[in-house]
Every structure is written in C-alpha cells, then in structure tokens.
C-alpha cells in the first residue's frame, strides 16, 4: 500500500467521487428519492474542499460549514448540526 495516502485523503477522495456519481441528482428539477438528492447536494457542497485536500491545499472550514448549512436549507436536514456535534465530541 502507498504510505503517502492518509485517512483524510481517502475520505476526500470518497467525497469527490460521490459528487461525480451523484451528479445526475443535482438541481431543482432532478428526480429521485429525497435522501439521494440530499446526498448529491451534500457531496456537491464539499467537493471543492475534497479536491483541495487531494491537491495538498487547504480550505476555509467556515465556508465549508456554510455550504453544508445551505444543503440543510434546501432539504430540511440537520447536517450542519450533526457535523458540529460530531466534531465537538472529537476534540
């Protein structure tokens, strides 16, 4: 196994690929189950941050959280609240 791959890069790769796989479920006219559409928009909201990680760059975490909050507004989800709760437990 390549020793240059760390946990964060693996997860960033997954988010980026999920965005590509779910691209057909983006937009207000897209059909499908609401949970699949929400997943597509969540992956889309964070794909630039995932790409930044894969390219060795950083990103603004506050901007990423705002992007997640935008998905909440579209779908009536609580992703931002869940993210903040999960990250506060990890510290």
C-alpha atoms as a PDB file:
ATOM      1  CA  UNK A   1       0.000   0.000   0.000  1.00  0.00           C
ATOM      2  CA  UNK A   2       1.119   3.544  -0.738  1.00  0.00           C
ATOM      3  CA  UNK A   3       2.342   5.121   2.513  1.00  0.00           C
ATOM      4  CA  UNK A   4       1.582   8.637   1.193  1.00  0.00           C
ATOM      5  CA  UNK A   5      -2.166   8.086   1.440  1.00  0.00           C
ATOM      6  CA  UNK A   6      -3.568   9.189   4.770  1.00  0.00           C
ATOM      7  CA  UNK A   7      -7.057   8.860   6.216  1.00  0.00           C
ATOM      8  CA  UNK A   8      -8.096  12.392   5.278  1.00  0.00           C
ATOM      9  CA  UNK A   9      -7.113  11.907   1.630  1.00  0.00           C
ATOM     10  CA  UNK A  10      -9.045   8.648   1.450  1.00  0.00           C
ATOM     11  CA  UNK A  11     -12.194  10.333   2.740  1.00  0.00           C
ATOM     12  CA  UNK A  12     -11.670  13.349   0.479  1.00  0.00           C
ATOM     13  CA  UNK A  13     -11.384  11.009  -2.495  1.00  0.00           C
ATOM     14  CA  UNK A  14     -14.661   9.349  -1.497  1.00  0.00           C
ATOM     15  CA  UNK A  15     -16.495  12.684  -1.217  1.00  0.00           C
ATOM     16  CA  UNK A  16     -15.170  13.807  -4.580  1.00  0.00           C
ATOM     17  CA  UNK A  17     -16.147  10.554  -6.291  1.00  0.00           C
ATOM     18  CA  UNK A  18     -19.591  10.573  -4.655  1.00  0.00           C
ATOM     19  CA  UNK A  19     -20.161  14.026  -6.106  1.00  0.00           C
ATOM     20  CA  UNK A  20     -19.350  12.694  -9.576  1.00  0.00           C
ATOM     21  CA  UNK A  21     -21.534   9.604  -9.166  1.00  0.00           C
ATOM     22  CA  UNK A  22     -24.498  11.585  -7.853  1.00  0.00           C
ATOM     23  CA  UNK A  23     -24.279  14.461 -10.336  1.00  0.00           C
ATOM     24  CA  UNK A  24     -27.480  13.361 -12.063  1.00  0.00           C
ATOM     25  CA  UNK A  25     -29.423  14.037  -8.866  1.00  0.00           C
ATOM     26  CA  UNK A  26     -28.460  17.723  -8.600  1.00  0.00           C
ATOM     27  CA  UNK A  27     -30.777  20.621  -9.297  1.00  0.00           C
ATOM     28  CA  UNK A  28     -34.334  21.566  -8.524  1.00  0.00           C
ATOM     29  CA  UNK A  29     -35.719  19.564 -11.457  1.00  0.00           C
ATOM     30  CA  UNK A  30     -33.869  16.344 -10.637  1.00  0.00           C
ATOM     31  CA  UNK A  31     -36.000  13.383  -9.761  1.00  0.00           C
ATOM     32  CA  UNK A  32     -35.333  10.598  -7.339  1.00  0.00           C
ATOM     33  CA  UNK A  33     -35.598   9.952  -3.664  1.00  0.00           C
ATOM     34  CA  UNK A  34     -35.128  12.991  -1.425  1.00  0.00           C
ATOM     35  CA  UNK A  35     -32.348  11.262   0.519  1.00  0.00           C
ATOM     36  CA  UNK A  36     -30.390  10.608  -2.685  1.00  0.00           C
ATOM     37  CA  UNK A  37     -30.874  14.209  -3.798  1.00  0.00           C
ATOM     38  CA  UNK A  38     -29.752  15.465  -0.373  1.00  0.00           C
ATOM     39  CA  UNK A  39     -26.673  13.223  -0.568  1.00  0.00           C
ATOM     40  CA  UNK A  40     -25.894  14.571  -4.037  1.00  0.00           C
ATOM     41  CA  UNK A  41     -26.121  18.160  -2.839  1.00  0.00           C
ATOM     42  CA  UNK A  42     -24.053  17.439   0.280  1.00  0.00           C
ATOM     43  CA  UNK A  43     -21.297  15.880  -1.821  1.00  0.00           C
ATOM     44  CA  UNK A  44     -21.514  18.793  -4.267  1.00  0.00           C
ATOM     45  CA  UNK A  45     -21.282  21.303  -1.408  1.00  0.00           C
ATOM     46  CA  UNK A  46     -17.976  19.800  -0.261  1.00  0.00           C
ATOM     47  CA  UNK A  47     -16.363  18.582  -3.476  1.00  0.00           C
ATOM     48  CA  UNK A  48     -14.100  21.632  -3.882  1.00  0.00           C
ATOM     49  CA  UNK A  49     -12.821  21.156  -0.338  1.00  0.00           C
ATOM     50  CA  UNK A  50     -12.211  17.471  -1.057  1.00  0.00           C
ATOM     51  CA  UNK A  51     -10.293  18.377  -4.194  1.00  0.00           C
ATOM     52  CA  UNK A  52      -8.211  20.879  -2.230  1.00  0.00           C
ATOM     53  CA  UNK A  53      -7.190  18.126   0.192  1.00  0.00           C
ATOM     54  CA  UNK A  54      -6.298  15.784  -2.658  1.00  0.00           C
ATOM     55  CA  UNK A  55      -4.150  18.515  -4.206  1.00  0.00           C
ATOM     56  CA  UNK A  56      -2.373  19.279  -0.911  1.00  0.00           C
ATOM     57  CA  UNK A  57      -4.088  22.634  -0.439  1.00  0.00           C
ATOM     58  CA  UNK A  58      -6.161  23.912   2.468  1.00  0.00           C
ATOM     59  CA  UNK A  59      -9.658  25.360   2.557  1.00  0.00           C
ATOM     60  CA  UNK A  60     -11.722  27.603   4.803  1.00  0.00           C
ATOM     61  CA  UNK A  61     -13.626  25.373   7.259  1.00  0.00           C
ATOM     62  CA  UNK A  62     -16.188  28.102   7.989  1.00  0.00           C
ATOM     63  CA  UNK A  63     -17.032  28.326   4.296  1.00  0.00           C
ATOM     64  CA  UNK A  64     -17.426  24.549   4.184  1.00  0.00           C
ATOM     65  CA  UNK A  65     -19.798  24.611   7.164  1.00  0.00           C
ATOM     66  CA  UNK A  66     -21.847  27.345   5.446  1.00  0.00           C
ATOM     67  CA  UNK A  67     -22.060  25.142   2.357  1.00  0.00           C
ATOM     68  CA  UNK A  68     -23.376  22.295   4.495  1.00  0.00           C
ATOM     69  CA  UNK A  69     -25.901  24.676   6.069  1.00  0.00           C
ATOM     70  CA  UNK A  70     -27.092  25.551   2.571  1.00  0.00           C
ATOM     71  CA  UNK A  71     -27.953  21.906   1.955  1.00  0.00           C
ATOM     72  CA  UNK A  72     -29.915  21.904   5.208  1.00  0.00           C
ATOM     73  CA  UNK A  73     -31.990  24.824   3.954  1.00  0.00           C
ATOM     74  CA  UNK A  74     -32.743  23.103   0.662  1.00  0.00           C
ATOM     75  CA  UNK A  75     -33.792  19.773   2.139  1.00  0.00           C
ATOM     76  CA  UNK A  76     -34.810  20.484   5.729  1.00  0.00           C
ATOM     77  CA  UNK A  77     -31.911  18.393   7.021  1.00  0.00           C
ATOM     78  CA  UNK A  78     -29.674  18.878  10.064  1.00  0.00           C
ATOM     79  CA  UNK A  79     -26.260  18.134   8.528  1.00  0.00           C
ATOM     80  CA  UNK A  80     -24.660  21.277   9.982  1.00  0.00           C
ATOM     81  CA  UNK A  81     -25.877  20.458  13.495  1.00  0.00           C
ATOM     82  CA  UNK A  82     -24.686  16.853  13.128  1.00  0.00           C
ATOM     83  CA  UNK A  83     -21.290  17.977  11.840  1.00  0.00           C
ATOM     84  CA  UNK A  84     -20.793  20.400  14.704  1.00  0.00           C
ATOM     85  CA  UNK A  85     -21.866  17.792  17.258  1.00  0.00           C
ATOM     86  CA  UNK A  86     -19.577  15.142  15.761  1.00  0.00           C
ATOM     87  CA  UNK A  87     -16.590  17.462  15.641  1.00  0.00           C
ATOM     88  CA  UNK A  88     -17.120  18.751  19.181  1.00  0.00           C
ATOM     89  CA  UNK A  89     -17.040  15.164  20.502  1.00  0.00           C
ATOM     90  CA  UNK A  90     -13.744  14.547  18.688  1.00  0.00           C
ATOM     91  CA  UNK A  91     -11.907  17.368  20.452  1.00  0.00           C
END
